[in-house]
Amino acid sequence: MKLIKYFAQISLLLLISVFAFYSSLRCLRETSSPEDIAPKSGRFVQTNDVKIFIQEMGDPKNPAVVMIHGMGSWSELWKDTMNVLAQNGYYAIAIDVPPFGFSERPEPTELKSIHQAKRVVSIIDSLGLKNVHLLGHSFGGGATLHTALLIPERILSLQLVDIAVSLEEKNESTSSKPSLFEKLWNFSILRNRLLEVTATNPHLTKILFSQFVHSSECITEEKVKVIQMPMQLKGTTSFFGNWLGEFIFHSDDNLARDFKQFGQKLTMPIDLLWGDLDTVTPIENAKKIQTSLTNSSLHIISGVGHIPQLESPDSFHKVLLNNLKNIKTND
């Protein structure tokens, strides 16, 4: 019995030490402001509510491609695609969609796809762009589709990459009372300790991102450093905790309801680019989404998972450029 008690005490001390260590790392790491460490290749654009960090490449007189990243990502991870687009006669604009990247962070309740879409429209207006192609990946698919619903007449095409969206309305009513899990999550002291050793733990960045790809070889040390750059911003762990609480416990189906009401306006060419080995949003999801989008085509990229632009950039860029050039020919 004494031996069991001894091991229990040692285990508890080790656990406390681990949490204390990563809490210290977070305090030392999250000390910067966006203006201090954001890449000088980009700039901040004032939108309808917050400042959004964007990066651009190519001649602004060329057809514009606005790029919207997925969860945990930011504009820098589009850099290879931006290069390819610029070299092929396009003006590429990559946006940091809050709460990710270096964009100003609004209230967690203002991070639904409709709020993001209004920011994207505001950026398009600020850049003086009349018409654009929209390229959205994964979690960014919601903001991409919602943007198209807001300004369908200005969207030349939708390029949707392994998007994580639901276009079906929810039937069940949600309870106004918070669950036990939500109450525990709102206990920020414990929640932030949990995030410090998981989501914002730099030692786990590669492991976490590798879960989204078929082969982890594409998550190079260089890419890991890029992913980690915004983690240096003040209050990152705490804000992510607040946002995740909103995302998990108060998600809505505004996109599905707006799509049901205005989806018939999406008459622009729509291309679904999908990794055949995607386990996050499997190929069945793509086929289901395709049936809801009348003017859509499905392009399957073989041998890759959820992030084809990183896993097989040559194959991805070939499909993307072919899609865009066909649309240009048809205009």
C-alpha atoms as a PDB file:
ATOM      1  CA  MET A   1       0.000   0.000   0.000  1.00  0.00           C
ATOM      2  CA  LYS A   2       2.837   2.375   0.881  1.00  0.00           C
ATOM      3  CA  LEU A   3       4.489   1.575  -2.449  1.00  0.00           C
ATOM      4  CA  ILE A   4       1.330   2.447  -4.373  1.00  0.00           C
ATOM      5  CA  LYS A   5       0.998   5.700  -2.437  1.00  0.00           C
ATOM      6  CA  TYR A   6       4.645   6.497  -3.144  1.00  0.00           C
ATOM      7  CA  PHE A   7       4.263   5.982  -6.910  1.00  0.00           C
ATOM      8  CA  ALA A   8       1.047   8.017  -6.892  1.00  0.00           C
ATOM      9  CA  GLN A   9       2.858  10.915  -5.238  1.00  0.00           C
ATOM     10  CA  ILE A  10       5.782  10.687  -7.667  1.00  0.00           C
ATOM     11  CA  SER A  11       3.384  10.567 -10.648  1.00  0.00           C
ATOM     12  CA  LEU A  12       1.532  13.619  -9.371  1.00  0.00           C
ATOM     13  CA  LEU A  13       4.777  15.540  -8.910  1.00  0.00           C
ATOM     14  CA  LEU A  14       5.909  14.616 -12.417  1.00  0.00           C
ATOM     15  CA  LEU A  15       2.571  15.719 -13.857  1.00  0.00           C
ATOM     16  CA  ILE A  16       2.744  19.031 -12.014  1.00  0.00           C
ATOM     17  CA  SER A  17       6.327  19.492 -13.219  1.00  0.00           C
ATOM     18  CA  VAL A  18       5.311  18.917 -16.849  1.00  0.00           C
ATOM     19  CA  PHE A  19       2.482  21.449 -16.641  1.00  0.00           C
ATOM     20  CA  ALA A  20       4.724  23.952 -14.868  1.00  0.00           C
ATOM     21  CA  PHE A  21       7.441  23.517 -17.502  1.00  0.00           C
ATOM     22  CA  TYR A  22       5.127  24.151 -20.452  1.00  0.00           C
ATOM     23  CA  SER A  23       3.405  26.998 -18.646  1.00  0.00           C
ATOM     24  CA  SER A  24       6.832  28.629 -18.245  1.00  0.00           C
ATOM     25  CA  LEU A  25       7.597  28.048 -21.918  1.00  0.00           C
ATOM     26  CA  ARG A  26       4.317  29.688 -22.872  1.00  0.00           C
ATOM     27  CA  CYS A  27       5.083  32.747 -20.717  1.00  0.00           C
ATOM     28  CA  LEU A  28       8.520  33.086 -22.313  1.00  0.00           C
ATOM     29  CA  ARG A  29       7.185  32.490 -25.829  1.00  0.00           C
ATOM     30  CA  GLU A  30       3.973  34.539 -26.023  1.00  0.00           C
ATOM     31  CA  THR A  31       5.523  37.995 -25.714  1.00  0.00           C
ATOM     32  CA  SER A  32       5.277  39.589 -29.191  1.00  0.00           C
ATOM     33  CA  SER A  33       2.834  41.803 -31.042  1.00  0.00           C
ATOM     34  CA  PRO A  34       1.760  41.112 -34.647  1.00  0.00           C
ATOM     35  CA  GLU A  35       3.458  44.246 -35.945  1.00  0.00           C
ATOM     36  CA  ASP A  36       6.767  43.160 -34.423  1.00  0.00           C
ATOM     37  CA  ILE A  37       7.110  39.679 -35.903  1.00  0.00           C
ATOM     38  CA  ALA A  38       4.757  39.439 -38.896  1.00  0.00           C
ATOM     39  CA  PRO A  39       6.699  38.890 -42.164  1.00  0.00           C
ATOM     40  CA  LYS A  40       7.705  42.134 -43.806  1.00  0.00           C
ATOM     41  CA  SER A  41       6.525  40.646 -47.107  1.00  0.00           C
ATOM     42  CA  GLY A  42       2.954  41.239 -45.961  1.00  0.00           C
ATOM     43  CA  ARG A  43       0.834  44.104 -44.687  1.00  0.00           C
ATOM     44  CA  PHE A  44      -2.194  44.816 -42.528  1.00  0.00           C
ATOM     45  CA  VAL A  45      -5.482  45.821 -44.126  1.00  0.00           C
ATOM     46  CA  GLN A  46      -8.295  47.397 -42.141  1.00  0.00           C
ATOM     47  CA  THR A  47     -11.550  45.514 -42.719  1.00  0.00           C
ATOM     48  CA  ASN A  48     -15.053  46.213 -41.497  1.00  0.00           C
ATOM     49  CA  ASP A  49     -13.995  45.446 -37.925  1.00  0.00           C
ATOM     50  CA  VAL A  50     -10.365  44.314 -37.441  1.00  0.00           C
ATOM     51  CA  LYS A  51      -6.969  44.583 -39.105  1.00  0.00           C
ATOM     52  CA  ILE A  52      -6.214  41.556 -41.267  1.00  0.00           C
ATOM     53  CA  PHE A  53      -2.704  40.504 -42.259  1.00  0.00           C
ATOM     54  CA  ILE A  54      -2.344  39.619 -45.934  1.00  0.00           C
ATOM     55  CA  GLN A  55       0.478  38.633 -48.270  1.00  0.00           C
ATOM     56  CA  GLU A  56       0.467  39.336 -51.992  1.00  0.00           C
ATOM     57  CA  MET A  57       2.405  38.158 -55.001  1.00  0.00           C
ATOM     58  CA  GLY A  58       2.112  38.960 -58.705  1.00  0.00           C
ATOM     59  CA  ASP A  59       0.820  41.900 -60.733  1.00  0.00           C
ATOM     60  CA  PRO A  60      -2.373  43.433 -59.243  1.00  0.00           C
ATOM     61  CA  LYS A  61      -3.576  43.975 -62.809  1.00  0.00           C
ATOM     62  CA  ASN A  62      -3.756  40.201 -63.346  1.00  0.00           C
ATOM     63  CA  PRO A  63      -6.733  37.996 -62.404  1.00  0.00           C
ATOM     64  CA  ALA A  64      -6.879  37.806 -58.614  1.00  0.00           C
ATOM     65  CA  VAL A  65      -6.903  34.620 -56.546  1.00  0.00           C
ATOM     66  CA  VAL A  66      -7.857  35.149 -52.890  1.00  0.00           C
ATOM     67  CA  MET A  67      -6.615  32.309 -50.688  1.00  0.00           C
ATOM     68  CA  ILE A  68      -8.217  31.231 -47.408  1.00  0.00           C
ATOM     69  CA  HIS A  69      -6.325  28.746 -45.223  1.00  0.00           C
ATOM     70  CA  GLY A  70      -7.532  26.023 -42.872  1.00  0.00           C
ATOM     71  CA  MET A  71      -7.433  25.576 -39.104  1.00  0.00           C
ATOM     72  CA  GLY A  72      -4.055  26.166 -37.465  1.00  0.00           C
ATOM     73  CA  SER A  73      -2.569  27.524 -40.671  1.00  0.00           C
ATOM     74  CA  TRP A  74      -1.841  31.036 -41.976  1.00  0.00           C
ATOM     75  CA  SER A  75      -0.886  32.867 -45.163  1.00  0.00           C
ATOM     76  CA  GLU A  76       2.783  31.832 -45.225  1.00  0.00           C
ATOM     77  CA  LEU A  77       1.826  28.200 -45.823  1.00  0.00           C
ATOM     78  CA  TRP A  78       0.346  29.283 -49.182  1.00  0.00           C
ATOM     79  CA  LYS A  79       3.714  30.727 -50.282  1.00  0.00           C
ATOM     80  CA  ASP A  80       4.557  27.960 -52.794  1.00  0.00           C
ATOM     81  CA  THR A  81       1.105  28.217 -54.357  1.00  0.00           C
ATOM     82  CA  MET A  82       1.393  32.004 -54.475  1.00  0.00           C
ATOM     83  CA  ASN A  83       4.697  31.694 -56.336  1.00  0.00           C
ATOM     84  CA  VAL A  84       3.191  29.334 -58.894  1.00  0.00           C
ATOM     85  CA  LEU A  85       0.153  31.552 -59.411  1.00  0.00           C
ATOM     86  CA  ALA A  86       2.261  34.707 -59.810  1.00  0.00           C
ATOM     87  CA  GLN A  87       4.533  32.965 -62.318  1.00  0.00           C
ATOM     88  CA  ASN A  88       1.482  31.957 -64.340  1.00  0.00           C
ATOM     89  CA  GLY A  89      -0.095  35.384 -64.640  1.00  0.00           C
ATOM     90  CA  TYR A  90      -2.236  35.691 -61.497  1.00  0.00           C
ATOM     91  CA  TYR A  91      -2.340  38.103 -58.590  1.00  0.00           C
ATOM     92  CA  ALA A  92      -2.271  35.934 -55.452  1.00  0.00           C
ATOM     93  CA  ILE A  93      -3.566  37.252 -52.117  1.00  0.00           C
ATOM     94  CA  ALA A  94      -3.297  35.065 -49.016  1.00  0.00           C
ATOM     95  CA  ILE A  95      -5.265  36.087 -45.931  1.00  0.00           C
ATOM     96  CA  ASP A  96      -4.610  35.331 -42.271  1.00  0.00           C
ATOM     97  CA  VAL A  97      -8.061  34.332 -41.083  1.00  0.00           C
ATOM     98  CA  PRO A  98      -8.398  35.046 -37.346  1.00  0.00           C
ATOM     99  CA  PRO A  99      -7.802  33.606 -34.817  1.00  0.00           C
ATOM    100  CA  PHE A 100      -4.839  32.251 -36.801  1.00  0.00           C
ATOM    101  CA  GLY A 101      -1.802  34.024 -38.176  1.00  0.00           C
ATOM    102  CA  PHE A 102      -1.077  37.666 -37.412  1.00  0.00           C
ATOM    103  CA  SER A 103      -4.500  39.231 -37.938  1.00  0.00           C
ATOM    104  CA  GLU A 104      -6.134  41.171 -35.130  1.00  0.00           C
ATOM    105  CA  ARG A 105      -8.315  38.910 -33.010  1.00  0.00           C
ATOM    106  CA  PRO A 106     -11.960  39.896 -32.622  1.00  0.00           C
ATOM    107  CA  GLU A 107     -14.251  38.549 -29.908  1.00  0.00           C
ATOM    108  CA  PRO A 108     -14.557  34.744 -30.070  1.00  0.00           C
ATOM    109  CA  THR A 109     -18.277  35.129 -30.866  1.00  0.00           C
ATOM    110  CA  GLU A 110     -17.287  37.054 -34.022  1.00  0.00           C
ATOM    111  CA  LEU A 111     -15.393  34.199 -35.665  1.00  0.00           C
ATOM    112  CA  LYS A 112     -18.233  32.375 -37.416  1.00  0.00           C
ATOM    113  CA  SER A 113     -17.979  31.879 -41.190  1.00  0.00           C
ATOM    114  CA  ILE A 114     -20.334  34.798 -41.885  1.00  0.00           C
ATOM    115  CA  HIS A 115     -18.072  37.176 -39.921  1.00  0.00           C
ATOM    116  CA  GLN A 116     -15.005  35.876 -41.741  1.00  0.00           C
ATOM    117  CA  ALA A 117     -16.776  36.277 -45.084  1.00  0.00           C
ATOM    118  CA  LYS A 118     -17.569  39.921 -44.381  1.00  0.00           C
ATOM    119  CA  ARG A 119     -13.866  40.486 -43.663  1.00  0.00           C
ATOM    120  CA  VAL A 120     -12.888  38.806 -46.928  1.00  0.00           C
ATOM    121  CA  VAL A 121     -15.331  41.015 -48.845  1.00  0.00           C
ATOM    122  CA  SER A 122     -13.908  44.061 -47.064  1.00  0.00           C
ATOM    123  CA  ILE A 123     -10.377  43.071 -48.146  1.00  0.00           C
ATOM    124  CA  ILE A 124     -11.498  42.548 -51.746  1.00  0.00           C
ATOM    125  CA  ASP A 125     -13.045  46.023 -51.673  1.00  0.00           C
ATOM    126  CA  SER A 126      -9.976  47.592 -50.038  1.00  0.00           C
ATOM    127  CA  LEU A 127      -7.726  46.149 -52.749  1.00  0.00           C
ATOM    128  CA  GLY A 128     -10.019  47.578 -55.431  1.00  0.00           C
ATOM    129  CA  LEU A 129     -10.739  44.182 -56.965  1.00  0.00           C
ATOM    130  CA  LYS A 130     -13.850  43.860 -59.076  1.00  0.00           C
ATOM    131  CA  ASN A 131     -13.823  40.091 -59.557  1.00  0.00           C
ATOM    132  CA  VAL A 132     -11.790  37.330 -57.915  1.00  0.00           C
ATOM    133  CA  HIS A 133     -11.238  33.605 -57.794  1.00  0.00           C
ATOM    134  CA  LEU A 134     -11.621  32.186 -54.285  1.00  0.00           C
ATOM    135  CA  LEU A 135      -9.356  29.359 -53.116  1.00  0.00           C
ATOM    136  CA  GLY A 136     -10.333  27.867 -49.759  1.00  0.00           C
ATOM    137  CA  HIS A 137      -8.948  24.914 -47.822  1.00  0.00           C
ATOM    138  CA  SER A 138     -10.431  22.734 -45.060  1.00  0.00           C
ATOM    139  CA  PHE A 139     -11.848  24.842 -42.200  1.00  0.00           C
ATOM    140  CA  GLY A 140     -11.516  27.877 -44.486  1.00  0.00           C
ATOM    141  CA  GLY A 141     -14.143  26.393 -46.777  1.00  0.00           C
ATOM    142  CA  GLY A 142     -16.912  27.881 -44.647  1.00  0.00           C
ATOM    143  CA  ALA A 143     -15.597  31.431 -45.034  1.00  0.00           C
ATOM    144  CA  THR A 144     -14.969  30.794 -48.748  1.00  0.00           C
ATOM    145  CA  LEU A 145     -18.510  29.628 -49.474  1.00  0.00           C
ATOM    146  CA  HIS A 146     -20.044  32.338 -47.300  1.00  0.00           C
ATOM    147  CA  THR A 147     -18.055  34.984 -49.171  1.00  0.00           C
ATOM    148  CA  ALA A 148     -19.402  33.635 -52.454  1.00  0.00           C
ATOM    149  CA  LEU A 149     -22.951  33.787 -51.073  1.00  0.00           C
ATOM    150  CA  LEU A 150     -22.431  37.455 -50.140  1.00  0.00           C
ATOM    151  CA  ILE A 151     -20.996  38.571 -53.530  1.00  0.00           C
ATOM    152  CA  PRO A 152     -21.752  35.802 -56.070  1.00  0.00           C
ATOM    153  CA  GLU A 153     -21.639  38.193 -59.017  1.00  0.00           C
ATOM    154  CA  ARG A 154     -17.993  39.042 -58.263  1.00  0.00           C
ATOM    155  CA  ILE A 155     -16.668  35.499 -57.904  1.00  0.00           C
ATOM    156  CA  LEU A 156     -15.019  34.120 -61.053  1.00  0.00           C
ATOM    157  CA  SER A 157     -14.675  30.627 -59.597  1.00  0.00           C
ATOM    158  CA  LEU A 158     -14.528  28.643 -56.385  1.00  0.00           C
ATOM    159  CA  GLN A 159     -11.560  26.358 -55.841  1.00  0.00           C
ATOM    160  CA  LEU A 160     -12.467  24.264 -52.802  1.00  0.00           C
ATOM    161  CA  VAL A 161      -9.699  22.074 -51.360  1.00  0.00           C
ATOM    162  CA  ASP A 162     -10.743  19.284 -48.972  1.00  0.00           C
ATOM    163  CA  ILE A 163     -13.194  21.691 -47.353  1.00  0.00           C
ATOM    164  CA  ALA A 164     -14.651  20.897 -43.937  1.00  0.00           C
ATOM    165  CA  VAL A 165     -18.231  22.198 -44.152  1.00  0.00           C
ATOM    166  CA  SER A 166     -21.787  21.001 -43.706  1.00  0.00           C
ATOM    167  CA  LEU A 167     -24.472  22.313 -46.034  1.00  0.00           C
ATOM    168  CA  GLU A 168     -27.292  20.571 -44.186  1.00  0.00           C
ATOM    169  CA  GLU A 169     -29.303  22.389 -41.534  1.00  0.00           C
ATOM    170  CA  LYS A 170     -29.394  20.979 -38.029  1.00  0.00           C
ATOM    171  CA  ASN A 171     -32.707  19.553 -36.914  1.00  0.00           C
ATOM    172  CA  GLU A 172     -32.098  19.275 -33.196  1.00  0.00           C
ATOM    173  CA  SER A 173     -32.583  22.226 -30.897  1.00  0.00           C
ATOM    174  CA  THR A 174     -29.625  23.172 -28.738  1.00  0.00           C
ATOM    175  CA  SER A 175     -29.964  23.518 -24.990  1.00  0.00           C
ATOM    176  CA  SER A 176     -29.314  26.937 -23.487  1.00  0.00           C
ATOM    177  CA  LYS A 177     -27.796  25.319 -20.391  1.00  0.00           C
ATOM    178  CA  PRO A 178     -24.047  24.697 -20.555  1.00  0.00           C
ATOM    179  CA  SER A 179     -22.953  21.087 -20.264  1.00  0.00           C
ATOM    180  CA  LEU A 180     -20.575  19.877 -17.563  1.00  0.00           C
ATOM    181  CA  PHE A 181     -17.785  19.743 -20.131  1.00  0.00           C
ATOM    182  CA  GLU A 182     -18.427  23.363 -21.119  1.00  0.00           C
ATOM    183  CA  LYS A 183     -18.384  24.440 -17.484  1.00  0.00           C
ATOM    184  CA  LEU A 184     -15.059  22.693 -16.996  1.00  0.00           C
ATOM    185  CA  TRP A 185     -13.710  24.216 -20.226  1.00  0.00           C
ATOM    186  CA  ASN A 186     -14.652  27.688 -19.041  1.00  0.00           C
ATOM    187  CA  PHE A 187     -12.403  27.170 -16.019  1.00  0.00           C
ATOM    188  CA  SER A 188      -9.566  28.939 -17.824  1.00  0.00           C
ATOM    189  CA  ILE A 189      -6.767  28.074 -15.402  1.00  0.00           C
ATOM    190  CA  LEU A 190      -7.168  24.358 -16.070  1.00  0.00           C
ATOM    191  CA  ARG A 191      -8.058  24.797 -19.746  1.00  0.00           C
ATOM    192  CA  ASN A 192      -4.986  26.863 -20.521  1.00  0.00           C
ATOM    193  CA  ARG A 193      -2.731  24.353 -18.768  1.00  0.00           C
ATOM    194  CA  LEU A 194      -4.193  21.662 -21.005  1.00  0.00           C
ATOM    195  CA  LEU A 195      -3.634  23.714 -24.165  1.00  0.00           C
ATOM    196  CA  GLU A 196      -0.072  24.560 -23.150  1.00  0.00           C
ATOM    197  CA  VAL A 197       0.897  20.898 -23.245  1.00  0.00           C
ATOM    198  CA  THR A 198      -1.118  20.078 -26.390  1.00  0.00           C
ATOM    199  CA  ALA A 199      -2.344  22.531 -29.031  1.00  0.00           C
ATOM    200  CA  THR A 200       0.160  25.340 -28.430  1.00  0.00           C
ATOM    201  CA  ASN A 201       2.998  23.077 -27.316  1.00  0.00           C
ATOM    202  CA  PRO A 202       5.815  23.599 -29.881  1.00  0.00           C
ATOM    203  CA  HIS A 203       7.116  20.098 -29.198  1.00  0.00           C
ATOM    204  CA  LEU A 204       3.875  18.653 -30.584  1.00  0.00           C
ATOM    205  CA  THR A 205       3.461  20.868 -33.667  1.00  0.00           C
ATOM    206  CA  LYS A 206       4.827  18.337 -36.125  1.00  0.00           C
ATOM    207  CA  ILE A 207       2.960  15.436 -34.536  1.00  0.00           C
ATOM    208  CA  LEU A 208      -0.356  17.304 -34.572  1.00  0.00           C
ATOM    209  CA  PHE A 209      -0.039  18.499 -38.182  1.00  0.00           C
ATOM    210  CA  SER A 210       1.092  15.065 -39.313  1.00  0.00           C
ATOM    211  CA  GLN A 211      -2.344  13.722 -38.381  1.00  0.00           C
ATOM    212  CA  PHE A 212      -3.807  15.644 -41.323  1.00  0.00           C
ATOM    213  CA  VAL A 213      -1.568  14.247 -44.048  1.00  0.00           C
ATOM    214  CA  HIS A 214      -0.984  10.804 -45.493  1.00  0.00           C
ATOM    215  CA  SER A 215       2.803  11.069 -45.286  1.00  0.00           C
ATOM    216  CA  SER A 216       4.366  13.207 -42.570  1.00  0.00           C
ATOM    217  CA  GLU A 217       7.464  13.816 -44.712  1.00  0.00           C
ATOM    218  CA  CYS A 218       5.861  16.961 -46.112  1.00  0.00           C
ATOM    219  CA  ILE A 219       5.731  18.493 -42.617  1.00  0.00           C
ATOM    220  CA  THR A 220       9.383  19.511 -42.750  1.00  0.00           C
ATOM    221  CA  GLU A 221      11.239  21.355 -39.994  1.00  0.00           C
ATOM    222  CA  GLU A 222      10.937  24.490 -42.132  1.00  0.00           C
ATOM    223  CA  LYS A 223       7.155  24.097 -42.277  1.00  0.00           C
ATOM    224  CA  VAL A 224       7.035  23.431 -38.538  1.00  0.00           C
ATOM    225  CA  LYS A 225       8.835  26.724 -37.869  1.00  0.00           C
ATOM    226  CA  VAL A 226       6.360  28.537 -40.129  1.00  0.00           C
ATOM    227  CA  ILE A 227       3.386  27.021 -38.297  1.00  0.00           C
ATOM    228  CA  GLN A 228       4.869  28.033 -34.954  1.00  0.00           C
ATOM    229  CA  MET A 229       5.597  31.681 -35.798  1.00  0.00           C
ATOM    230  CA  PRO A 230       2.210  33.122 -34.709  1.00  0.00           C
ATOM    231  CA  MET A 231       2.392  31.131 -31.447  1.00  0.00           C
ATOM    232  CA  GLN A 232       4.736  33.865 -30.201  1.00  0.00           C
ATOM    233  CA  LEU A 233       1.896  36.403 -30.059  1.00  0.00           C
ATOM    234  CA  LYS A 234       0.753  37.651 -26.670  1.00  0.00           C
ATOM    235  CA  GLY A 235      -2.247  35.792 -25.266  1.00  0.00           C
ATOM    236  CA  THR A 236      -2.317  33.074 -27.939  1.00  0.00           C
ATOM    237  CA  THR A 237      -3.078  30.148 -25.634  1.00  0.00           C
ATOM    238  CA  SER A 238      -5.743  32.010 -23.687  1.00  0.00           C
ATOM    239  CA  PHE A 239      -7.455  33.311 -26.805  1.00  0.00           C
ATOM    240  CA  PHE A 240      -7.420  29.896 -28.490  1.00  0.00           C
ATOM    241  CA  GLY A 241      -9.068  28.515 -25.381  1.00  0.00           C
ATOM    242  CA  ASN A 242     -11.862  31.093 -25.560  1.00  0.00           C
ATOM    243  CA  TRP A 243     -12.320  30.546 -29.288  1.00  0.00           C
ATOM    244  CA  LEU A 244     -12.328  26.752 -29.019  1.00  0.00           C
ATOM    245  CA  GLY A 245     -15.018  26.976 -26.356  1.00  0.00           C
ATOM    246  CA  GLU A 246     -17.152  29.023 -28.712  1.00  0.00           C
ATOM    247  CA  PHE A 247     -16.343  26.754 -31.659  1.00  0.00           C
ATOM    248  CA  ILE A 248     -17.076  23.503 -29.839  1.00  0.00           C
ATOM    249  CA  PHE A 249     -20.075  24.461 -27.728  1.00  0.00           C
ATOM    250  CA  HIS A 250     -21.753  27.213 -29.762  1.00  0.00           C
ATOM    251  CA  SER A 251     -21.270  26.241 -33.392  1.00  0.00           C
ATOM    252  CA  ASP A 252     -24.162  27.193 -35.649  1.00  0.00           C
ATOM    253  CA  ASP A 253     -25.489  26.315 -39.063  1.00  0.00           C
ATOM    254  CA  ASN A 254     -25.645  29.842 -40.512  1.00  0.00           C
ATOM    255  CA  LEU A 255     -23.787  28.650 -43.604  1.00  0.00           C
ATOM    256  CA  ALA A 256     -26.263  25.821 -44.189  1.00  0.00           C
ATOM    257  CA  ARG A 257     -29.255  28.150 -43.711  1.00  0.00           C
ATOM    258  CA  ASP A 258     -27.793  30.840 -45.971  1.00  0.00           C
ATOM    259  CA  PHE A 259     -26.878  28.219 -48.557  1.00  0.00           C
ATOM    260  CA  LYS A 260     -30.447  26.899 -48.524  1.00  0.00           C
ATOM    261  CA  GLN A 261     -31.764  30.416 -49.131  1.00  0.00           C
ATOM    262  CA  PHE A 262     -29.145  31.772 -51.548  1.00  0.00           C
ATOM    263  CA  GLY A 263     -27.281  28.735 -52.861  1.00  0.00           C
ATOM    264  CA  GLN A 264     -28.922  29.004 -56.263  1.00  0.00           C
ATOM    265  CA  LYS A 265     -26.836  32.145 -56.831  1.00  0.00           C
ATOM    266  CA  LEU A 266     -23.619  30.101 -56.917  1.00  0.00           C
ATOM    267  CA  THR A 267     -23.580  29.756 -60.693  1.00  0.00           C
ATOM    268  CA  MET A 268     -19.834  30.352 -61.082  1.00  0.00           C
ATOM    269  CA  PRO A 269     -17.575  27.384 -61.956  1.00  0.00           C
ATOM    270  CA  ILE A 270     -16.847  25.396 -58.799  1.00  0.00           C
ATOM    271  CA  ASP A 271     -13.953  22.951 -58.552  1.00  0.00           C
ATOM    272  CA  LEU A 272     -13.495  20.517 -55.678  1.00  0.00           C
ATOM    273  CA  LEU A 273      -9.857  19.446 -55.291  1.00  0.00           C
ATOM    274  CA  TRP A 274      -9.580  16.441 -53.000  1.00  0.00           C
ATOM    275  CA  GLY A 275      -6.945  14.057 -51.699  1.00  0.00           C
ATOM    276  CA  ASP A 276      -8.070  10.478 -52.214  1.00  0.00           C
ATOM    277  CA  LEU A 277      -6.495   9.426 -48.896  1.00  0.00           C
ATOM    278  CA  ASP A 278      -8.043  12.202 -46.827  1.00  0.00           C
ATOM    279  CA  THR A 279      -9.206  10.792 -43.487  1.00  0.00           C
ATOM    280  CA  VAL A 280     -10.234  14.171 -42.029  1.00  0.00           C
ATOM    281  CA  THR A 281     -12.814  14.964 -44.715  1.00  0.00           C
ATOM    282  CA  PRO A 282     -13.039  11.689 -46.673  1.00  0.00           C
ATOM    283  CA  ILE A 283     -13.782  11.564 -50.390  1.00  0.00           C
ATOM    284  CA  GLU A 284     -17.395  10.691 -49.573  1.00  0.00           C
ATOM    285  CA  ASN A 285     -17.735  14.206 -48.151  1.00  0.00           C
ATOM    286  CA  ALA A 286     -16.573  15.667 -51.456  1.00  0.00           C
ATOM    287  CA  LYS A 287     -19.155  13.666 -53.407  1.00  0.00           C
ATOM    288  CA  LYS A 288     -21.888  14.765 -51.006  1.00  0.00           C
ATOM    289  CA  ILE A 289     -20.904  18.425 -51.298  1.00  0.00           C
ATOM    290  CA  GLN A 290     -20.703  18.118 -55.075  1.00  0.00           C
ATOM    291  CA  THR A 291     -24.355  17.056 -55.278  1.00  0.00           C
ATOM    292  CA  SER A 292     -25.302  20.325 -53.532  1.00  0.00           C
ATOM    293  CA  LEU A 293     -23.249  22.549 -55.844  1.00  0.00           C
ATOM    294  CA  THR A 294     -24.847  22.546 -59.270  1.00  0.00           C
ATOM    295  CA  ASN A 295     -21.950  23.828 -61.361  1.00  0.00           C
ATOM    296  CA  SER A 296     -19.197  21.799 -59.716  1.00  0.00           C
ATOM    297  CA  SER A 297     -16.506  19.327 -60.765  1.00  0.00           C
ATOM    298  CA  LEU A 298     -14.548  16.947 -58.562  1.00  0.00           C
ATOM    299  CA  HIS A 299     -10.806  16.559 -59.109  1.00  0.00           C
ATOM    300  CA  ILE A 300      -9.236  13.736 -57.118  1.00  0.00           C
ATOM    301  CA  ILE A 301      -5.518  14.022 -56.353  1.00  0.00           C
ATOM    302  CA  SER A 302      -4.078  10.570 -55.767  1.00  0.00           C
ATOM    303  CA  GLY A 303      -1.751   9.526 -52.984  1.00  0.00           C
ATOM    304  CA  VAL A 304      -2.410  12.455 -50.640  1.00  0.00           C
ATOM    305  CA  GLY A 305      -4.466  13.227 -47.571  1.00  0.00           C
ATOM    306  CA  HIS A 306      -6.082  16.397 -46.268  1.00  0.00           C
ATOM    307  CA  ILE A 307      -3.455  18.974 -47.350  1.00  0.00           C
ATOM    308  CA  PRO A 308      -2.612  18.251 -51.023  1.00  0.00           C
ATOM    309  CA  GLN A 309      -0.900  21.627 -51.527  1.00  0.00           C
ATOM    310  CA  LEU A 310       1.780  20.503 -49.047  1.00  0.00           C
ATOM    311  CA  GLU A 311       1.787  16.769 -49.726  1.00  0.00           C
ATOM    312  CA  SER A 312       2.004  16.865 -53.510  1.00  0.00           C
ATOM    313  CA  PRO A 313       2.403  20.498 -54.597  1.00  0.00           C
ATOM    314  CA  ASP A 314       3.209  19.685 -58.232  1.00  0.00           C
ATOM    315  CA  SER A 315       0.053  17.613 -58.664  1.00  0.00           C
ATOM    316  CA  PHE A 316      -2.045  20.146 -56.783  1.00  0.00           C
ATOM    317  CA  HIS A 317      -0.751  23.125 -58.754  1.00  0.00           C
ATOM    318  CA  LYS A 318      -1.248  21.336 -62.058  1.00  0.00           C
ATOM    319  CA  VAL A 319      -4.929  20.749 -61.267  1.00  0.00           C
ATOM    320  CA  LEU A 320      -5.418  24.262 -59.883  1.00  0.00           C
ATOM    321  CA  LEU A 321      -3.819  26.019 -62.866  1.00  0.00           C
ATOM    322  CA  ASN A 322      -5.759  23.873 -65.300  1.00  0.00           C
ATOM    323  CA  ASN A 323      -9.002  24.804 -63.546  1.00  0.00           C
ATOM    324  CA  LEU A 324      -8.209  28.511 -63.583  1.00  0.00           C
ATOM    325  CA  LYS A 325      -7.049  28.520 -67.211  1.00  0.00           C
ATOM    326  CA  ASN A 326     -10.201  26.752 -68.347  1.00  0.00           C
ATOM    327  CA  ILE A 327     -12.304  29.375 -66.612  1.00  0.00           C
ATOM    328  CA  LYS A 328     -10.241  32.130 -68.189  1.00  0.00           C
ATOM    329  CA  THR A 329     -10.757  30.562 -71.630  1.00  0.00           C
ATOM    330  CA  ASN A 330     -14.499  30.384 -71.078  1.00  0.00           C
ATOM    331  CA  ASP A 331     -14.870  34.006 -69.961  1.00  0.00           C
END
